[in-house]
Amino acid sequence: MKILMVDVDGVLVHGRPSDGLPLFTYLEQDLGLRLNVLQEAFFKPYWQDIVTGRDALEPRLSEVLGEIAPQLPAKTLIDYWFENDSRLDHGLLEDLAALRADGTKMFLATNQEHMRAAYLMETLQLSQRFDGVFYSAALGHQKPTVEFFLLATERVGFAPNEIGFIDDVEANIEAARQFGWKAMQWAPGSTLRDAMAAFSA
């Protein structure tokens, strides 16, 4: 295996930095906006286009908030969102760093829109720990579509069977395996050693 692709949410990142709870756990208490209202007005109708790069997060969110929470600026909610979804698994990062030091190229493979992808790489400094990132808004396709895996494979320039992949979503793992990647579903308690053993099996 020459390349390792690593998912972000549910593998590297686990919710709020302070306690690991889901990022919007205290949204209404903190910002006065009910999560179910945000889901119905924003995520359900618009997220698919945003996460595949066909729409932009901040302008669309600003438009929606103007209707459901006019007192709340989009930037305030975005900052709250990103900061509360940034608890890194430092143990896994250390294990990945050791593998990378031994010569394995390391990439993120994740469903993200442009602003959070930049936050992950720059603010959380994952650009220092990975050789690059493949994310859905930049590729125009999200996991588990075959196009996501095809484009990522083409851009690293290695055969599918030379690529390992860890992700917490079963559908993404199945799609990666069907494309020819070596893949293991990440779960609480999983270790990089488990993944390496699965790739070799």
Protein backbone atom coordinates (compact mmCIF):
# COMPACT_ATOMS: atom_id res chain seq x y z
CA MET A 1 0.00 0.00 0.00
CA LYS A 2 1.50 3.30 -1.14
CA ILE A 3 -1.38 5.68 -0.39
CA LEU A 4 -3.67 5.98 2.62
CA MET A 5 -6.94 7.90 2.27
CA VAL A 6 -8.47 9.00 5.59
CA ASP A 7 -12.02 10.22 6.21
CA VAL A 8 -12.51 13.23 8.47
CA ASP A 9 -15.80 13.25 10.40
CA GLY A 10 -16.21 10.13 12.49
CA VAL A 11 -12.57 9.13 12.02
CA LEU A 12 -10.24 12.09 12.60
CA VAL A 13 -12.77 14.56 14.00
CA HIS A 14 -15.34 13.86 16.70
CA GLY A 15 -17.59 16.79 17.57
CA ARG A 16 -17.03 19.48 20.17
CA PRO A 17 -13.45 19.96 21.43
CA SER A 18 -14.59 20.22 25.05
CA ASP A 19 -16.64 17.03 25.31
CA GLY A 20 -17.02 15.30 21.92
CA LEU A 21 -20.77 15.93 21.80
CA PRO A 22 -22.35 16.60 18.38
CA LEU A 23 -21.57 20.10 17.21
CA PHE A 24 -25.11 21.48 17.35
CA THR A 25 -26.00 19.97 20.75
CA TYR A 26 -26.47 23.40 22.37
CA LEU A 27 -27.31 25.41 19.25
CA GLU A 28 -30.61 26.77 20.57
CA GLN A 29 -29.11 27.59 23.97
CA ASP A 30 -26.05 29.28 22.48
CA LEU A 31 -27.40 31.01 19.37
CA GLY A 32 -31.18 30.95 19.77
CA LEU A 33 -31.82 28.72 16.73
CA ARG A 34 -33.56 25.35 16.90
CA LEU A 35 -31.70 22.57 15.10
CA ASN A 36 -34.82 21.11 13.51
CA VAL A 37 -35.63 24.51 11.99
CA LEU A 38 -32.11 24.79 10.55
CA GLN A 39 -32.31 21.26 9.16
CA GLU A 40 -35.65 21.84 7.45
CA ALA A 41 -34.84 25.29 6.06
CA PHE A 42 -31.18 24.81 5.15
CA PHE A 43 -29.70 21.33 5.24
CA LYS A 44 -32.53 19.39 3.61
CA PRO A 45 -33.07 21.66 0.59
CA TYR A 46 -29.55 23.00 -0.01
CA TRP A 47 -26.82 20.84 1.51
CA GLN A 48 -26.51 18.39 -1.39
CA ASP A 49 -25.65 21.20 -3.80
CA ILE A 50 -23.33 22.90 -1.31
CA VAL A 51 -21.32 19.78 -0.44
CA THR A 52 -20.82 18.98 -4.14
CA GLY A 53 -19.73 22.50 -5.04
CA ARG A 54 -22.82 23.61 -6.98
CA ASP A 55 -23.82 26.20 -4.37
CA ALA A 56 -21.86 28.27 -1.84
CA LEU A 57 -22.25 27.92 1.91
CA GLU A 58 -22.14 31.48 3.22
CA PRO A 59 -24.46 33.24 0.75
CA ARG A 60 -27.05 30.46 0.88
CA LEU A 61 -26.92 30.26 4.68
CA SER A 62 -27.20 34.04 4.93
CA GLU A 63 -30.31 33.95 2.76
CA VAL A 64 -31.92 31.23 4.88
CA LEU A 65 -31.03 32.87 8.19
CA GLY A 66 -32.60 36.08 6.94
CA GLU A 67 -35.89 34.18 6.98
CA ILE A 68 -35.56 31.96 10.07
CA ALA A 69 -33.15 33.86 12.35
CA PRO A 70 -32.57 37.40 11.05
CA GLN A 71 -30.67 38.35 14.20
CA LEU A 72 -27.99 35.70 13.49
CA PRO A 73 -25.25 36.50 10.94
CA ALA A 74 -24.17 33.61 8.74
CA LYS A 75 -20.52 34.10 9.71
CA THR A 76 -21.39 33.74 13.41
CA LEU A 77 -23.12 30.42 12.77
CA ILE A 78 -20.33 29.17 10.49
CA ASP A 79 -17.65 30.02 13.06
CA TYR A 80 -19.70 28.28 15.78
CA TRP A 81 -20.20 25.26 13.51
CA PHE A 82 -16.56 24.79 12.56
CA GLU A 83 -15.20 25.43 16.07
CA ASN A 84 -17.65 22.95 17.58
CA ASP A 85 -16.77 20.25 15.08
CA SER A 86 -13.02 20.16 15.53
CA ARG A 87 -12.10 17.62 18.21
CA LEU A 88 -9.11 15.83 16.68
CA ASP A 89 -8.09 12.26 17.50
CA HIS A 90 -4.47 13.01 18.37
CA GLY A 91 -3.64 9.36 18.98
CA LEU A 92 -4.66 8.46 15.45
CA LEU A 93 -2.80 11.49 14.09
CA GLU A 94 0.39 10.29 15.81
CA ASP A 95 -0.01 6.81 14.34
CA LEU A 96 -0.63 8.29 10.89
CA ALA A 97 2.45 10.49 11.24
CA ALA A 98 4.60 7.43 11.94
CA LEU A 99 3.23 5.65 8.88
CA ARG A 100 3.79 8.73 6.75
CA ALA A 101 7.37 9.01 8.02
CA ASP A 102 7.93 5.47 6.74
CA GLY A 103 6.97 6.59 3.23
CA THR A 104 3.20 6.15 2.90
CA LYS A 105 1.56 9.12 1.20
CA MET A 106 -1.35 10.42 3.25
CA PHE A 107 -4.50 12.15 1.97
CA LEU A 108 -7.84 13.17 3.39
CA ALA A 109 -10.86 11.81 1.48
CA THR A 110 -13.96 13.56 2.74
CA ASN A 111 -17.37 15.01 1.97
CA GLN A 112 -16.90 18.74 2.66
CA GLU A 113 -17.80 22.12 1.23
CA HIS A 114 -15.04 24.60 0.43
CA MET A 115 -14.98 26.69 3.61
CA ARG A 116 -14.72 23.79 6.05
CA ALA A 117 -12.15 22.04 3.87
CA ALA A 118 -10.01 25.16 4.16
CA TYR A 119 -10.65 25.31 7.92
CA LEU A 120 -9.50 21.71 8.32
CA MET A 121 -6.33 22.21 6.34
CA GLU A 122 -5.39 25.69 7.56
CA THR A 123 -6.91 26.41 10.98
CA LEU A 124 -6.63 22.83 12.25
CA GLN A 125 -3.30 22.58 10.39
CA LEU A 126 -4.01 19.22 8.79
CA SER A 127 -2.05 20.44 5.77
CA GLN A 128 1.06 19.81 7.90
CA ARG A 129 0.06 16.19 8.49
CA PHE A 130 -1.30 15.17 5.07
CA ASP A 131 -0.02 15.36 1.53
CA GLY A 132 -3.34 16.73 0.30
CA VAL A 133 -7.11 16.50 0.46
CA PHE A 134 -9.78 15.17 -1.86
CA TYR A 135 -13.14 16.62 -0.94
CA SER A 136 -16.55 16.51 -2.53
CA ALA A 137 -17.08 20.20 -3.32
CA ALA A 138 -13.78 20.34 -5.20
CA LEU A 139 -14.39 17.06 -7.05
CA GLY A 140 -18.04 17.77 -7.81
CA HIS A 141 -19.02 14.36 -6.43
CA GLN A 142 -19.35 12.94 -2.94
CA LYS A 143 -18.75 9.55 -1.42
CA PRO A 144 -20.05 6.92 -2.08
CA THR A 145 -20.37 7.76 -5.80
CA VAL A 146 -17.90 5.99 -8.07
CA GLU A 147 -16.85 9.36 -9.51
CA PHE A 148 -15.37 10.41 -6.16
CA PHE A 149 -13.12 7.35 -6.03
CA LEU A 150 -12.25 7.57 -9.73
CA LEU A 151 -11.16 11.20 -9.52
CA ALA A 152 -9.15 10.72 -6.33
CA THR A 153 -7.42 7.69 -7.84
CA GLU A 154 -6.57 9.52 -11.05
CA ARG A 155 -5.12 12.46 -9.16
CA VAL A 156 -2.78 10.43 -6.97
CA GLY A 157 -1.59 8.46 -9.99
CA PHE A 158 -1.56 5.03 -8.36
CA ALA A 159 -3.53 1.87 -9.09
CA PRO A 160 -6.65 1.36 -6.95
CA ASN A 161 -5.14 -1.69 -5.25
CA GLU A 162 -2.26 0.46 -3.98
CA ILE A 163 -4.66 2.69 -2.04
CA GLY A 164 -5.89 2.06 1.51
CA PHE A 165 -8.92 3.81 2.97
CA ILE A 166 -10.51 4.23 6.40
CA ASP A 167 -14.02 5.63 6.81
CA ASP A 168 -16.79 5.20 9.37
CA VAL A 169 -19.64 4.87 6.83
CA GLU A 170 -20.38 1.38 5.55
CA ALA A 171 -21.65 2.59 2.15
CA ASN A 172 -18.39 4.46 1.55
CA ILE A 173 -16.33 1.40 2.46
CA GLU A 174 -18.34 -0.84 0.15
CA ALA A 175 -18.03 1.63 -2.73
CA ALA A 176 -14.28 1.95 -2.21
CA ARG A 177 -13.86 -1.83 -2.21
CA GLN A 178 -15.90 -2.17 -5.37
CA PHE A 179 -13.62 0.38 -7.01
CA GLY A 180 -10.56 -1.61 -5.94
CA TRP A 181 -9.32 0.27 -2.90
CA LYS A 182 -8.38 -1.64 0.25
CA ALA A 183 -10.83 -0.34 2.83
CA MET A 184 -11.75 -0.81 6.48
CA GLN A 185 -14.78 0.58 8.29
CA TRP A 186 -13.65 2.68 11.27
CA ALA A 187 -15.54 2.26 14.54
CA PRO A 188 -15.04 3.36 18.16
CA GLY A 189 -11.96 1.57 19.41
CA SER A 190 -10.48 1.00 15.95
CA THR A 191 -6.75 1.47 15.52
CA LEU A 192 -4.49 2.08 12.57
CA ARG A 193 -2.92 -1.30 13.31
CA ASP A 194 -6.35 -2.89 12.78
CA ALA A 195 -6.63 -1.14 9.43
CA MET A 196 -3.19 -2.19 8.26
CA ALA A 197 -3.95 -5.80 9.18
CA ALA A 198 -7.26 -5.62 7.27
CA PHE A 199 -5.53 -4.23 4.20
CA SER A 200 -3.04 -7.12 4.24
CA ALA A 201 -5.66 -9.83 4.72
